[in-house]
Amino acid sequence: ATRAGLAGLGFPPVADAHPSPGVTGFFPEQPIDAEQLRKRIRERHGMSLAGGQGPWTGKVIRIGHMGYCDAADIIAVIGALELELRTLGFARPLGSGTSAVLESFASE
């Protein structure tokens, strides 16, 4: 569901062929600074997302979904991404990511 939501936003995954079941990494559209986006989501939505490491610092965001994580958690984080992208001037139709998440859950 997380990967579906990110695809709905047009973000390519870090690991397409062999994704991890515990974390989903993605590349935000350039020129979005991943660290700025992570900071806004933490400050405005209270969600902590991991960043990239080494040469991927500032280029990758990782969403963890290990342990207890339900549909509402995934909908919330994708919705927060949608809202913050809008405030940064990267307009996507609101709901493009969250509707993809909901479709993913509805098809289970």
PDB file of N, CA and C in Angstrom:
ATOM      1  N   ALA A   1       0.824  -1.197   0.000  1.00  0.00           N
ATOM      2  CA  ALA A   1       0.000   0.000   0.000  1.00  0.00           C
ATOM      3  C   ALA A   1       0.868   1.260   0.000  1.00  0.00           C
ATOM      4  N   THR A   2       1.990   1.232   0.741  1.00  0.00           N
ATOM      5  CA  THR A   2       2.884   2.393   0.764  1.00  0.00           C
ATOM      6  C   THR A   2       3.470   2.636  -0.619  1.00  0.00           C
ATOM      7  N   ARG A   3       3.924   1.579  -1.253  1.00  0.00           N
ATOM      8  CA  ARG A   3       4.483   1.721  -2.604  1.00  0.00           C
ATOM      9  C   ARG A   3       3.432   2.210  -3.589  1.00  0.00           C
ATOM     10  N   ALA A   4       2.193   1.755  -3.438  1.00  0.00           N
ATOM     11  CA  ALA A   4       1.120   2.215  -4.320  1.00  0.00           C
ATOM     12  C   ALA A   4       0.875   3.708  -4.133  1.00  0.00           C
ATOM     13  N   GLY A   5       0.866   4.159  -2.886  1.00  0.00           N
ATOM     14  CA  GLY A   5       0.655   5.581  -2.619  1.00  0.00           C
ATOM     15  C   GLY A   5       1.757   6.438  -3.199  1.00  0.00           C
ATOM     16  N   LEU A   6       2.994   5.993  -3.071  1.00  0.00           N
ATOM     17  CA  LEU A   6       4.111   6.750  -3.634  1.00  0.00           C
ATOM     18  C   LEU A   6       4.069   6.762  -5.156  1.00  0.00           C
ATOM     19  N   ALA A   7       3.673   5.639  -5.738  1.00  0.00           N
ATOM     20  CA  ALA A   7       3.520   5.598  -7.197  1.00  0.00           C
ATOM     21  C   ALA A   7       2.427   6.571  -7.642  1.00  0.00           C
ATOM     22  N   GLY A   8       1.344   6.664  -6.848  1.00  0.00           N
ATOM     23  CA  GLY A   8       0.280   7.611  -7.160  1.00  0.00           C
ATOM     24  C   GLY A   8       0.761   9.050  -7.143  1.00  0.00           C
ATOM     25  N   LEU A   9       1.814   9.312  -6.365  1.00  0.00           N
ATOM     26  CA  LEU A   9       2.411  10.642  -6.319  1.00  0.00           C
ATOM     27  C   LEU A   9       3.505  10.819  -7.375  1.00  0.00           C
ATOM     28  N   GLY A  10       3.822   9.729  -8.075  1.00  0.00           N
ATOM     29  CA  GLY A  10       4.836   9.795  -9.117  1.00  0.00           C
ATOM     30  C   GLY A  10       6.258   9.648  -8.634  1.00  0.00           C
ATOM     31  N   PHE A  11       6.457   9.078  -7.436  1.00  0.00           N
ATOM     32  CA  PHE A  11       7.799   8.930  -6.877  1.00  0.00           C
ATOM     33  C   PHE A  11       8.322   7.527  -7.132  1.00  0.00           C
ATOM     34  N   PRO A  12       9.482   7.400  -7.773  1.00  0.00           N
ATOM     35  CA  PRO A  12      10.045   6.080  -7.998  1.00  0.00           C
ATOM     36  C   PRO A  12      10.633   5.500  -6.710  1.00  0.00           C
ATOM     37  N   PRO A  13      10.485   4.194  -6.527  1.00  0.00           N
ATOM     38  CA  PRO A  13      11.040   3.557  -5.327  1.00  0.00           C
ATOM     39  C   PRO A  13      12.547   3.379  -5.442  1.00  0.00           C
ATOM     40  N   VAL A  14      13.187   3.273  -4.298  1.00  0.00           N
ATOM     41  CA  VAL A  14      14.625   2.978  -4.269  1.00  0.00           C
ATOM     42  C   VAL A  14      14.835   1.532  -4.711  1.00  0.00           C
ATOM     43  N   ALA A  15      14.049   0.610  -4.169  1.00  0.00           N
ATOM     44  CA  ALA A  15      14.187  -0.817  -4.480  1.00  0.00           C
ATOM     45  C   ALA A  15      12.922  -1.286  -5.172  1.00  0.00           C
ATOM     46  N   ASP A  16      12.971  -1.311  -6.487  1.00  0.00           N
ATOM     47  CA  ASP A  16      11.795  -1.716  -7.251  1.00  0.00           C
ATOM     48  C   ASP A  16      11.704  -3.233  -7.371  1.00  0.00           C
ATOM     49  N   ALA A  17      12.803  -3.875  -7.681  1.00  0.00           N
ATOM     50  CA  ALA A  17      12.789  -5.317  -7.928  1.00  0.00           C
ATOM     51  C   ALA A  17      12.679  -6.144  -6.657  1.00  0.00           C
ATOM     52  N   HIS A  18      13.326  -5.718  -5.577  1.00  0.00           N
ATOM     53  CA  HIS A  18      13.339  -6.489  -4.335  1.00  0.00           C
ATOM     54  C   HIS A  18      13.048  -5.572  -3.151  1.00  0.00           C
ATOM     55  N   PRO A  19      11.798  -5.108  -3.013  1.00  0.00           N
ATOM     56  CA  PRO A  19      11.481  -4.164  -1.931  1.00  0.00           C
ATOM     57  C   PRO A  19      11.524  -4.833  -0.556  1.00  0.00           C
ATOM     58  N   SER A  20      11.873  -4.039   0.428  1.00  0.00           N
ATOM     59  CA  SER A  20      11.904  -4.507   1.807  1.00  0.00           C
ATOM     60  C   SER A  20      10.490  -4.512   2.373  1.00  0.00           C
ATOM     61  N   PRO A  21      10.144  -5.519   3.176  1.00  0.00           N
ATOM     62  CA  PRO A  21       8.821  -5.501   3.805  1.00  0.00           C
ATOM     63  C   PRO A  21       8.742  -4.525   4.986  1.00  0.00           C
ATOM     64  N   GLY A  22       9.889  -4.023   5.461  1.00  0.00           N
ATOM     65  CA  GLY A  22       9.896  -3.180   6.654  1.00  0.00           C
ATOM     66  C   GLY A  22      10.089  -1.697   6.407  1.00  0.00           C
ATOM     67  N   VAL A  23      10.507  -1.336   5.206  1.00  0.00           N
ATOM     68  CA  VAL A  23      10.737   0.078   4.904  1.00  0.00           C
ATOM     69  C   VAL A  23      10.589   0.287   3.395  1.00  0.00           C
ATOM     70  N   THR A  24      10.051   1.434   3.024  1.00  0.00           N
ATOM     71  CA  THR A  24       9.932   1.789   1.618  1.00  0.00           C
ATOM     72  C   THR A  24      10.673   3.099   1.399  1.00  0.00           C
ATOM     73  N   GLY A  25      11.700   3.037   0.576  1.00  0.00           N
ATOM     74  CA  GLY A  25      12.460   4.233   0.231  1.00  0.00           C
ATOM     75  C   GLY A  25      12.011   4.754  -1.120  1.00  0.00           C
ATOM     76  N   PHE A  26      12.044   6.075  -1.271  1.00  0.00           N
ATOM     77  CA  PHE A  26      11.662   6.673  -2.548  1.00  0.00           C
ATOM     78  C   PHE A  26      12.475   7.921  -2.821  1.00  0.00           C
ATOM     79  N   PHE A  27      12.511   8.284  -4.092  1.00  0.00           N
ATOM     80  CA  PHE A  27      13.205   9.482  -4.549  1.00  0.00           C
ATOM     81  C   PHE A  27      12.175  10.585  -4.797  1.00  0.00           C
ATOM     82  N   PRO A  28      12.160  11.639  -3.973  1.00  0.00           N
ATOM     83  CA  PRO A  28      11.275  12.761  -4.271  1.00  0.00           C
ATOM     84  C   PRO A  28      11.699  13.427  -5.580  1.00  0.00           C
ATOM     85  N   GLU A  29      10.725  13.988  -6.239  1.00  0.00           N
ATOM     86  CA  GLU A  29      10.969  14.697  -7.498  1.00  0.00           C
ATOM     87  C   GLU A  29      11.971  15.839  -7.284  1.00  0.00           C
ATOM     88  N   GLN A  30      12.899  15.974  -8.200  1.00  0.00           N
ATOM     89  CA  GLN A  30      13.835  17.101  -8.141  1.00  0.00           C
ATOM     90  C   GLN A  30      13.090  18.368  -8.549  1.00  0.00           C
ATOM     91  N   PRO A  31      13.321  19.500  -7.958  1.00  0.00           N
ATOM     92  CA  PRO A  31      14.382  19.849  -7.030  1.00  0.00           C
ATOM     93  C   PRO A  31      13.967  19.787  -5.565  1.00  0.00           C
ATOM     94  N   ILE A  32      13.023  18.925  -5.207  1.00  0.00           N
ATOM     95  CA  ILE A  32      12.625  18.800  -3.804  1.00  0.00           C
ATOM     96  C   ILE A  32      13.813  18.318  -2.989  1.00  0.00           C
ATOM     97  N   ASP A  33      14.093  19.011  -1.898  1.00  0.00           N
ATOM     98  CA  ASP A  33      15.131  18.578  -0.983  1.00  0.00           C
ATOM     99  C   ASP A  33      14.490  17.632   0.027  1.00  0.00           C
ATOM    100  N   ALA A  34      14.926  16.395   0.022  1.00  0.00           N
ATOM    101  CA  ALA A  34      14.330  15.382   0.888  1.00  0.00           C
ATOM    102  C   ALA A  34      14.415  15.763   2.355  1.00  0.00           C
ATOM    103  N   GLU A  35      15.520  16.382   2.765  1.00  0.00           N
ATOM    104  CA  GLU A  35      15.668  16.760   4.174  1.00  0.00           C
ATOM    105  C   GLU A  35      14.671  17.850   4.564  1.00  0.00           C
ATOM    106  N   GLN A  36      14.449  18.799   3.693  1.00  0.00           N
ATOM    107  CA  GLN A  36      13.466  19.854   3.963  1.00  0.00           C
ATOM    108  C   GLN A  36      12.063  19.249   4.070  1.00  0.00           C
ATOM    109  N   LEU A  37      11.737  18.340   3.177  1.00  0.00           N
ATOM    110  CA  LEU A  37      10.422  17.701   3.205  1.00  0.00           C
ATOM    111  C   LEU A  37      10.253  16.871   4.477  1.00  0.00           C
ATOM    112  N   ARG A  38      11.273  16.119   4.867  1.00  0.00           N
ATOM    113  CA  ARG A  38      11.203  15.336   6.112  1.00  0.00           C
ATOM    114  C   ARG A  38      11.003  16.234   7.320  1.00  0.00           C
ATOM    115  N   LYS A  39      11.716  17.352   7.346  1.00  0.00           N
ATOM    116  CA  LYS A  39      11.608  18.291   8.464  1.00  0.00           C
ATOM    117  C   LYS A  39      10.197  18.867   8.549  1.00  0.00           C
ATOM    118  N   ARG A  40       9.628  19.248   7.431  1.00  0.00           N
ATOM    119  CA  ARG A  40       8.266  19.807   7.424  1.00  0.00           C
ATOM    120  C   ARG A  40       7.256  18.771   7.916  1.00  0.00           C
ATOM    121  N   ILE A  41       7.408  17.530   7.498  1.00  0.00           N
ATOM    122  CA  ILE A  41       6.472  16.484   7.914  1.00  0.00           C
ATOM    123  C   ILE A  41       6.599  16.223   9.416  1.00  0.00           C
ATOM    124  N   ARG A  42       7.820  16.241   9.928  1.00  0.00           N
ATOM    125  CA  ARG A  42       8.024  16.053  11.369  1.00  0.00           C
ATOM    126  C   ARG A  42       7.400  17.208  12.152  1.00  0.00           C
ATOM    127  N   GLU A  43       7.678  18.434  11.732  1.00  0.00           N
ATOM    128  CA  GLU A  43       7.203  19.606  12.470  1.00  0.00           C
ATOM    129  C   GLU A  43       5.694  19.811  12.364  1.00  0.00           C
ATOM    130  N   ARG A  44       5.131  19.570  11.202  1.00  0.00           N
ATOM    131  CA  ARG A  44       3.722  19.888  10.969  1.00  0.00           C
ATOM    132  C   ARG A  44       2.771  18.720  11.180  1.00  0.00           C
ATOM    133  N   HIS A  45       3.303  17.493  11.129  1.00  0.00           N
ATOM    134  CA  HIS A  45       2.436  16.316  11.226  1.00  0.00           C
ATOM    135  C   HIS A  45       2.875  15.333  12.302  1.00  0.00           C
ATOM    136  N   GLY A  46       4.018  15.589  12.943  1.00  0.00           N
ATOM    137  CA  GLY A  46       4.494  14.727  14.016  1.00  0.00           C
ATOM    138  C   GLY A  46       4.945  13.357  13.571  1.00  0.00           C
ATOM    139  N   MET A  47       5.361  13.235  12.314  1.00  0.00           N
ATOM    140  CA  MET A  47       5.798  11.945  11.771  1.00  0.00           C
ATOM    141  C   MET A  47       7.291  11.989  11.500  1.00  0.00           C
ATOM    142  N   SER A  48       7.987  10.954  11.909  1.00  0.00           N
ATOM    143  CA  SER A  48       9.425  10.875  11.665  1.00  0.00           C
ATOM    144  C   SER A  48       9.697   9.922  10.513  1.00  0.00           C
ATOM    145  N   LEU A  49      10.250  10.470   9.450  1.00  0.00           N
ATOM    146  CA  LEU A  49      10.652   9.672   8.294  1.00  0.00           C
ATOM    147  C   LEU A  49      12.171   9.661   8.248  1.00  0.00           C
ATOM    148  N   ALA A  50      12.735   8.560   7.810  1.00  0.00           N
ATOM    149  CA  ALA A  50      14.196   8.442   7.730  1.00  0.00           C
ATOM    150  C   ALA A  50      14.693   9.037   6.424  1.00  0.00           C
ATOM    151  N   GLY A  51      15.926   9.492   6.457  1.00  0.00           N
ATOM    152  CA  GLY A  51      16.541  10.041   5.254  1.00  0.00           C
ATOM    153  C   GLY A  51      17.484   9.056   4.609  1.00  0.00           C
ATOM    154  N   GLY A  52      18.098   9.494   3.548  1.00  0.00           N
ATOM    155  CA  GLY A  52      19.112   8.693   2.880  1.00  0.00           C
ATOM    156  C   GLY A  52      20.428   8.799   3.621  1.00  0.00           C
ATOM    157  N   GLN A  53      21.337   7.925   3.275  1.00  0.00           N
ATOM    158  CA  GLN A  53      22.650   7.904   3.910  1.00  0.00           C
ATOM    159  C   GLN A  53      23.727   8.042   2.841  1.00  0.00           C
ATOM    160  N   GLY A  54      24.871   8.563   3.267  1.00  0.00           N
ATOM    161  CA  GLY A  54      25.997   8.700   2.338  1.00  0.00           C
ATOM    162  C   GLY A  54      25.626   9.557   1.148  1.00  0.00           C
ATOM    163  N   PRO A  55      25.886   9.058  -0.071  1.00  0.00           N
ATOM    164  CA  PRO A  55      25.610   9.870  -1.262  1.00  0.00           C
ATOM    165  C   PRO A  55      24.119  10.120  -1.500  1.00  0.00           C
ATOM    166  N   TRP A  56      23.245   9.409  -0.788  1.00  0.00           N
ATOM    167  CA  TRP A  56      21.806   9.609  -0.961  1.00  0.00           C
ATOM    168  C   TRP A  56      21.216  10.581   0.055  1.00  0.00           C
ATOM    169  N   THR A  57      22.054  11.179   0.903  1.00  0.00           N
ATOM    170  CA  THR A  57      21.567  12.165   1.865  1.00  0.00           C
ATOM    171  C   THR A  57      20.935  13.327   1.101  1.00  0.00           C
ATOM    172  N   GLY A  58      19.728  13.698   1.498  1.00  0.00           N
ATOM    173  CA  GLY A  58      19.011  14.789   0.840  1.00  0.00           C
ATOM    174  C   GLY A  58      18.305  14.384  -0.432  1.00  0.00           C
ATOM    175  N   LYS A  59      18.422  13.103  -0.821  1.00  0.00           N
ATOM    176  CA  LYS A  59      17.828  12.642  -2.081  1.00  0.00           C
ATOM    177  C   LYS A  59      16.786  11.553  -1.896  1.00  0.00           C
ATOM    178  N   VAL A  60      16.827  10.872  -0.744  1.00  0.00           N
ATOM    179  CA  VAL A  60      15.945   9.724  -0.496  1.00  0.00           C
ATOM    180  C   VAL A  60      15.202   9.936   0.815  1.00  0.00           C
ATOM    181  N   ILE A  61      13.955   9.482   0.841  1.00  0.00           N
ATOM    182  CA  ILE A  61      13.172   9.423   2.077  1.00  0.00           C
ATOM    183  C   ILE A  61      12.743   7.978   2.259  1.00  0.00           C
ATOM    184  N   ARG A  62      12.808   7.518   3.517  1.00  0.00           N
ATOM    185  CA  ARG A  62      12.403   6.145   3.819  1.00  0.00           C
ATOM    186  C   ARG A  62      11.240   6.164   4.812  1.00  0.00           C
ATOM    187  N   ILE A  63      10.198   5.426   4.479  1.00  0.00           N
ATOM    188  CA  ILE A  63       9.019   5.290   5.332  1.00  0.00           C
ATOM    189  C   ILE A  63       9.068   3.902   5.957  1.00  0.00           C
ATOM    190  N   GLY A  64       9.130   3.862   7.279  1.00  0.00           N
ATOM    191  CA  GLY A  64       9.161   2.587   7.974  1.00  0.00           C
ATOM    192  C   GLY A  64       7.760   2.064   8.227  1.00  0.00           C
ATOM    193  N   HIS A  65       7.597   0.763   8.041  1.00  0.00           N
ATOM    194  CA  HIS A  65       6.316   0.115   8.342  1.00  0.00           C
ATOM    195  C   HIS A  65       6.555  -1.271   8.930  1.00  0.00           C
ATOM    196  N   MET A  66       7.425  -1.275   9.957  1.00  0.00           N
ATOM    197  CA  MET A  66       7.694  -2.494  10.720  1.00  0.00           C
ATOM    198  C   MET A  66       6.849  -2.461  11.983  1.00  0.00           C
ATOM    199  N   GLY A  67       6.656  -3.614  12.572  1.00  0.00           N
ATOM    200  CA  GLY A  67       5.887  -3.666  13.809  1.00  0.00           C
ATOM    201  C   GLY A  67       4.434  -3.330  13.541  1.00  0.00           C
ATOM    202  N   TYR A  68       3.810  -2.660  14.509  1.00  0.00           N
ATOM    203  CA  TYR A  68       2.401  -2.335  14.346  1.00  0.00           C
ATOM    204  C   TYR A  68       2.253  -1.138  13.419  1.00  0.00           C
ATOM    205  N   CYS A  69       1.644  -1.366  12.295  1.00  0.00           N
ATOM    206  CA  CYS A  69       1.383  -0.322  11.303  1.00  0.00           C
ATOM    207  C   CYS A  69       0.117  -0.738  10.584  1.00  0.00           C
ATOM    208  N   ASP A  70      -0.891   0.121  10.622  1.00  0.00           N
ATOM    209  CA  ASP A  70      -2.138  -0.253   9.965  1.00  0.00           C
ATOM    210  C   ASP A  70      -2.451   0.686   8.810  1.00  0.00           C
ATOM    211  N   ALA A  71      -3.588   0.461   8.187  1.00  0.00           N
ATOM    212  CA  ALA A  71      -3.992   1.253   7.020  1.00  0.00           C
ATOM    213  C   ALA A  71      -4.022   2.740   7.334  1.00  0.00           C
ATOM    214  N   ALA A  72      -4.510   3.109   8.514  1.00  0.00           N
ATOM    215  CA  ALA A  72      -4.600   4.525   8.877  1.00  0.00           C
ATOM    216  C   ALA A  72      -3.220   5.170   8.927  1.00  0.00           C
ATOM    217  N   ASP A  73      -2.202   4.444   9.383  1.00  0.00           N
ATOM    218  CA  ASP A  73      -0.842   4.988   9.429  1.00  0.00           C
ATOM    219  C   ASP A  73      -0.328   5.297   8.025  1.00  0.00           C
ATOM    220  N   ILE A  74      -0.567   4.392   7.108  1.00  0.00           N
ATOM    221  CA  ILE A  74      -0.085   4.576   5.739  1.00  0.00           C
ATOM    222  C   ILE A  74      -0.855   5.698   5.052  1.00  0.00           C
ATOM    223  N   ILE A  75      -2.154   5.734   5.231  1.00  0.00           N
ATOM    224  CA  ILE A  75      -2.960   6.818   4.657  1.00  0.00           C
ATOM    225  C   ILE A  75      -2.484   8.164   5.201  1.00  0.00           C
ATOM    226  N   ALA A  76      -2.200   8.217   6.499  1.00  0.00           N
ATOM    227  CA  ALA A  76      -1.767   9.471   7.124  1.00  0.00           C
ATOM    228  C   ALA A  76      -0.436   9.960   6.573  1.00  0.00           C
ATOM    229  N   VAL A  77       0.534   9.071   6.426  1.00  0.00           N
ATOM    230  CA  VAL A  77       1.849   9.523   5.958  1.00  0.00           C
ATOM    231  C   VAL A  77       1.798   9.940   4.488  1.00  0.00           C
ATOM    232  N   ILE A  78       1.046   9.222   3.681  1.00  0.00           N
ATOM    233  CA  ILE A  78       0.923   9.611   2.269  1.00  0.00           C
ATOM    234  C   ILE A  78       0.149  10.928   2.164  1.00  0.00           C
ATOM    235  N   GLY A  79      -0.874  11.098   2.985  1.00  0.00           N
ATOM    236  CA  GLY A  79      -1.613  12.360   3.011  1.00  0.00           C
ATOM    237  C   GLY A  79      -0.733  13.525   3.440  1.00  0.00           C
ATOM    238  N   ALA A  80       0.121  13.307   4.440  1.00  0.00           N
ATOM    239  CA  ALA A  80       1.050  14.356   4.883  1.00  0.00           C
ATOM    240  C   ALA A  80       2.007  14.730   3.756  1.00  0.00           C
ATOM    241  N   LEU A  81       2.489  13.741   3.027  1.00  0.00           N
ATOM    242  CA  LEU A  81       3.348  14.031   1.878  1.00  0.00           C
ATOM    243  C   LEU A  81       2.609  14.887   0.858  1.00  0.00           C
ATOM    244  N   GLU A  82       1.375  14.516   0.562  1.00  0.00           N
ATOM    245  CA  GLU A  82       0.584  15.293  -0.404  1.00  0.00           C
ATOM    246  C   GLU A  82       0.440  16.744   0.033  1.00  0.00           C
ATOM    247  N   LEU A  83       0.097  16.969   1.293  1.00  0.00           N
ATOM    248  CA  LEU A  83      -0.093  18.326   1.795  1.00  0.00           C
ATOM    249  C   LEU A  83       1.198  19.136   1.749  1.00  0.00           C
ATOM    250  N   GLU A  84       2.298  18.537   2.163  1.00  0.00           N
ATOM    251  CA  GLU A  84       3.561  19.278   2.185  1.00  0.00           C
ATOM    252  C   GLU A  84       4.100  19.526   0.791  1.00  0.00           C
ATOM    253  N   LEU A  85       3.874  18.612  -0.122  1.00  0.00           N
ATOM    254  CA  LEU A  85       4.256  18.870  -1.514  1.00  0.00           C
ATOM    255  C   LEU A  85       3.504  20.082  -2.053  1.00  0.00           C
ATOM    256  N   ARG A  86       2.242  20.174  -1.701  1.00  0.00           N
ATOM    257  CA  ARG A  86       1.439  21.317  -2.134  1.00  0.00           C
ATOM    258  C   ARG A  86       2.014  22.620  -1.591  1.00  0.00           C
ATOM    259  N   THR A  87       2.385  22.637  -0.297  1.00  0.00           N
ATOM    260  CA  THR A  87       2.917  23.864   0.293  1.00  0.00           C
ATOM    261  C   THR A  87       4.284  24.225  -0.287  1.00  0.00           C
ATOM    262  N   LEU A  88       5.007  23.229  -0.805  1.00  0.00           N
ATOM    263  CA  LEU A  88       6.306  23.495  -1.428  1.00  0.00           C
ATOM    264  C   LEU A  88       6.174  23.860  -2.907  1.00  0.00           C
ATOM    265  N   GLY A  89       4.936  23.910  -3.411  1.00  0.00           N
ATOM    266  CA  GLY A  89       4.720  24.322  -4.788  1.00  0.00           C
ATOM    267  C   GLY A  89       4.716  23.209  -5.810  1.00  0.00           C
ATOM    268  N   PHE A  90       4.661  21.968  -5.358  1.00  0.00           N
ATOM    269  CA  PHE A  90       4.616  20.831  -6.268  1.00  0.00           C
ATOM    270  C   PHE A  90       3.202  20.259  -6.245  1.00  0.00           C
ATOM    271  N   ALA A  91       2.367  20.849  -7.047  1.00  0.00           N
ATOM    272  CA  ALA A  91       0.949  20.496  -7.020  1.00  0.00           C
ATOM    273  C   ALA A  91       0.718  19.138  -7.673  1.00  0.00           C
ATOM    274  N   ARG A  92       0.155  18.275  -6.921  1.00  0.00           N
ATOM    275  CA  ARG A  92      -0.388  17.015  -7.406  1.00  0.00           C
ATOM    276  C   ARG A  92      -1.873  17.098  -7.052  1.00  0.00           C
ATOM    277  N   PRO A  93      -2.718  16.453  -7.801  1.00  0.00           N
ATOM    278  CA  PRO A  93      -4.122  16.450  -7.376  1.00  0.00           C
ATOM    279  C   PRO A  93      -4.218  15.831  -5.980  1.00  0.00           C
ATOM    280  N   LEU A  94      -4.799  16.577  -5.031  1.00  0.00           N
ATOM    281  CA  LEU A  94      -4.942  16.027  -3.682  1.00  0.00           C
ATOM    282  C   LEU A  94      -5.739  14.737  -3.753  1.00  0.00           C
ATOM    283  N   GLY A  95      -5.223  13.736  -3.088  1.00  0.00           N
ATOM    284  CA  GLY A  95      -5.856  12.420  -3.093  1.00  0.00           C
ATOM    285  C   GLY A  95      -5.210  11.452  -4.068  1.00  0.00           C
ATOM    286  N   SER A  96      -4.280  11.910  -4.893  1.00  0.00           N
ATOM    287  CA  SER A  96      -3.675  10.992  -5.871  1.00  0.00           C
ATOM    288  C   SER A  96      -2.891   9.875  -5.194  1.00  0.00           C
ATOM    289  N   GLY A  97      -2.233  10.184  -4.095  1.00  0.00           N
ATOM    290  CA  GLY A  97      -1.504   9.150  -3.361  1.00  0.00           C
ATOM    291  C   GLY A  97      -2.410   8.362  -2.440  1.00  0.00           C
ATOM    292  N   THR A  98      -3.248   9.078  -1.683  1.00  0.00           N
ATOM    293  CA  THR A  98      -4.115   8.378  -0.726  1.00  0.00           C
ATOM    294  C   THR A  98      -5.140   7.501  -1.429  1.00  0.00           C
ATOM    295  N   SER A  99      -5.630   7.929  -2.580  1.00  0.00           N
ATOM    296  CA  SER A  99      -6.591   7.070  -3.288  1.00  0.00           C
ATOM    297  C   SER A  99      -5.912   5.792  -3.774  1.00  0.00           C
ATOM    298  N   ALA A 100      -4.637   5.885  -4.152  1.00  0.00           N
ATOM    299  CA  ALA A 100      -3.907   4.682  -4.560  1.00  0.00           C
ATOM    300  C   ALA A 100      -3.716   3.734  -3.378  1.00  0.00           C
ATOM    301  N   VAL A 101      -3.477   4.297  -2.186  1.00  0.00           N
ATOM    302  CA  VAL A 101      -3.374   3.473  -0.978  1.00  0.00           C
ATOM    303  C   VAL A 101      -4.702   2.760  -0.728  1.00  0.00           C
ATOM    304  N   LEU A 102      -5.790   3.502  -0.785  1.00  0.00           N
ATOM    305  CA  LEU A 102      -7.114   2.913  -0.528  1.00  0.00           C
ATOM    306  C   LEU A 102      -7.436   1.829  -1.559  1.00  0.00           C
ATOM    307  N   GLU A 103      -7.102   2.069  -2.836  1.00  0.00           N
ATOM    308  CA  GLU A 103      -7.321   1.047  -3.858  1.00  0.00           C
ATOM    309  C   GLU A 103      -6.517  -0.218  -3.552  1.00  0.00           C
ATOM    310  N   SER A 104      -5.313  -0.034  -3.057  1.00  0.00           N
ATOM    311  CA  SER A 104      -4.478  -1.176  -2.715  1.00  0.00           C
ATOM    312  C   SER A 104      -5.121  -2.011  -1.604  1.00  0.00           C
ATOM    313  N   PHE A 105      -5.632  -1.335  -0.590  1.00  0.00           N
ATOM    314  CA  PHE A 105      -6.299  -2.065   0.489  1.00  0.00           C
ATOM    315  C   PHE A 105      -7.615  -2.685   0.034  1.00  0.00           C
ATOM    316  N   ALA A 106      -8.322  -2.008  -0.834  1.00  0.00           N
ATOM    317  CA  ALA A 106      -9.613  -2.522  -1.314  1.00  0.00           C
ATOM    318  C   ALA A 106      -9.437  -3.776  -2.175  1.00  0.00           C
ATOM    319  N   SER A 107      -8.289  -3.930  -2.788  1.00  0.00           N
ATOM    320  CA  SER A 107      -8.069  -5.086  -3.662  1.00  0.00           C
ATOM    321  C   SER A 107      -7.541  -6.304  -2.908  1.00  0.00           C
ATOM    322  N   GLU A 108      -7.298  -6.160  -1.600  1.00  0.00           N
ATOM    323  CA  GLU A 108      -6.782  -7.291  -0.828  1.00  0.00           C
ATOM    324  C   GLU A 108      -7.866  -8.317  -0.581  1.00  0.00           C
TER     325      GLU A 108
END
